[in-house]
Amino acid sequence: MVPTTGQHMTDRNLAELGFEDLWKNEILRKYIDGELSREEAIELVGLENVQRADRETAVVEEDVDWGLDA
């Protein structure tokens, strides 16, 4: 079955969204690893995304600390 133009655009848009997510995740990884400053990360992916990464990192660190103390 050959996709219609509308279906093709949807697939293309989905692919673009996937690349945007990959790019955002790479920026946040670099921020968490100390390769980018907080300010640089905020400039690139926005404050909300950086704050989410901070919260998620804190939760993981708490879990690791809890596991090491158990």
Protein backbone atom coordinates (compact mmCIF):
# COMPACT_ATOMS: atom_id res chain seq x y z
CA MET A 1 0.00 0.00 0.00
CA VAL A 2 1.39 3.39 -0.98
CA PRO A 3 0.87 6.10 1.66
CA THR A 4 -1.11 9.16 0.70
CA THR A 5 0.49 12.59 0.93
CA GLY A 6 -1.24 13.18 4.29
CA GLN A 7 0.10 9.91 5.70
CA HIS A 8 3.57 10.68 4.40
CA MET A 9 3.58 14.06 6.12
CA THR A 10 2.46 12.45 9.37
CA ASP A 11 5.31 9.94 9.18
CA ARG A 12 7.75 12.74 8.39
CA ASN A 13 6.47 14.82 11.31
CA LEU A 14 6.82 11.84 13.63
CA ALA A 15 10.40 11.34 12.49
CA GLU A 16 11.17 15.02 13.08
CA LEU A 17 9.69 14.81 16.57
CA GLY A 18 11.84 11.76 17.22
CA PHE A 19 14.97 13.65 16.20
CA GLU A 20 13.98 16.60 18.39
CA ASP A 21 13.57 14.28 21.37
CA LEU A 22 16.93 12.66 20.69
CA TRP A 23 18.58 16.08 20.44
CA LYS A 24 16.92 17.28 23.66
CA ASN A 25 17.97 14.12 25.50
CA GLU A 26 21.56 14.55 24.30
CA ILE A 27 21.64 18.15 25.53
CA LEU A 28 20.25 17.09 28.92
CA ARG A 29 22.76 14.22 29.13
CA LYS A 30 25.60 16.66 28.54
CA TYR A 31 24.18 18.96 31.21
CA ILE A 32 23.86 16.15 33.77
CA ASP A 33 27.38 14.92 32.94
CA GLY A 34 28.77 18.43 33.44
CA GLU A 35 29.67 18.99 29.80
CA LEU A 36 27.23 21.93 29.53
CA SER A 37 26.43 24.59 32.09
CA ARG A 38 22.91 24.96 33.42
CA GLU A 39 22.60 28.26 31.56
CA GLU A 40 23.67 26.67 28.26
CA ALA A 41 21.21 23.81 28.72
CA ILE A 42 18.38 26.25 29.52
CA GLU A 43 19.21 28.23 26.39
CA LEU A 44 19.08 25.09 24.26
CA VAL A 45 16.12 23.14 25.70
CA GLY A 46 14.33 25.52 28.05
CA LEU A 47 14.01 25.92 31.79
CA GLU A 48 11.19 23.39 32.19
CA ASN A 49 13.23 20.59 30.61
CA VAL A 50 16.29 21.40 32.73
CA GLN A 51 14.21 21.48 35.91
CA ARG A 52 12.70 18.10 34.99
CA ALA A 53 16.19 16.69 34.44
CA ASP A 54 17.28 18.07 37.82
CA ARG A 55 14.31 16.41 39.56
CA GLU A 56 14.86 13.08 37.79
CA THR A 57 18.57 13.13 38.60
CA ALA A 58 17.85 13.84 42.27
CA VAL A 59 15.42 10.91 42.44
CA VAL A 60 17.97 8.53 40.91
CA GLU A 61 20.68 9.75 43.30
CA GLU A 62 18.33 9.23 46.28
CA ASP A 63 17.58 5.69 45.09
CA VAL A 64 21.27 4.90 44.71
CA ASP A 65 22.03 6.30 48.19
CA TRP A 66 19.17 4.26 49.65
CA GLY A 67 20.45 1.12 47.92
CA LEU A 68 23.98 1.65 49.19
CA ASP A 69 22.72 2.12 52.75
CA ALA A 70 20.50 -0.98 52.69
